[in-house]
């Protein structure tokens, strides 16, 4: 409503270039996630759920690992070794995954990666004070987990999504991951 010559008049047009519901959707996007999530194929929904759980576990586990290594070793060098050994191992896993993909499915690579992630945290817990002596082994196992998981995740998402819903899949995966 606006006033001209002291009289109120209702207007037929909006002064906003973006409609009200579009602004609401931009400011409150979480109510859109469930409806769009159901539009995905079951395998795409499953890999989205798995990826979000792995991402959460990796974030919590990464903080736990750094604090745990510091508490057990009181040595920054051990933490650096643990983190630096992972990257060449990830590269090695990509090469191995490329060679064995003719014999195994993508989902098996993801399962192998999750197994090594779990094994890494079990090693950290069971080694206790002697973790410093086996720090390269523990970092190697973590690299195996990351390498096999991510070498299976990318092709699996490409296989389970189609050109028509790949953007939706990536947008949902990023949106859910940002929470």
Foldseek 3Di string as FASTA:
>chain_A
DDDDPRDDDDDPDDPDPDDPVVVVCVVDVPVVLVVLLVVADPLLNVLLVVVLVVLVCCVVVVVVVVVLCCVLPVDVVLVVLLQVLLVVLLVVLLVVCVVCCVPDALVVLLVQLVVLVVVLVVCSVVCGNVCSVVSSVSSNSNSSSVNSNVSSSVVSNVVRDDPVCSVVSVVSSVVVNVD
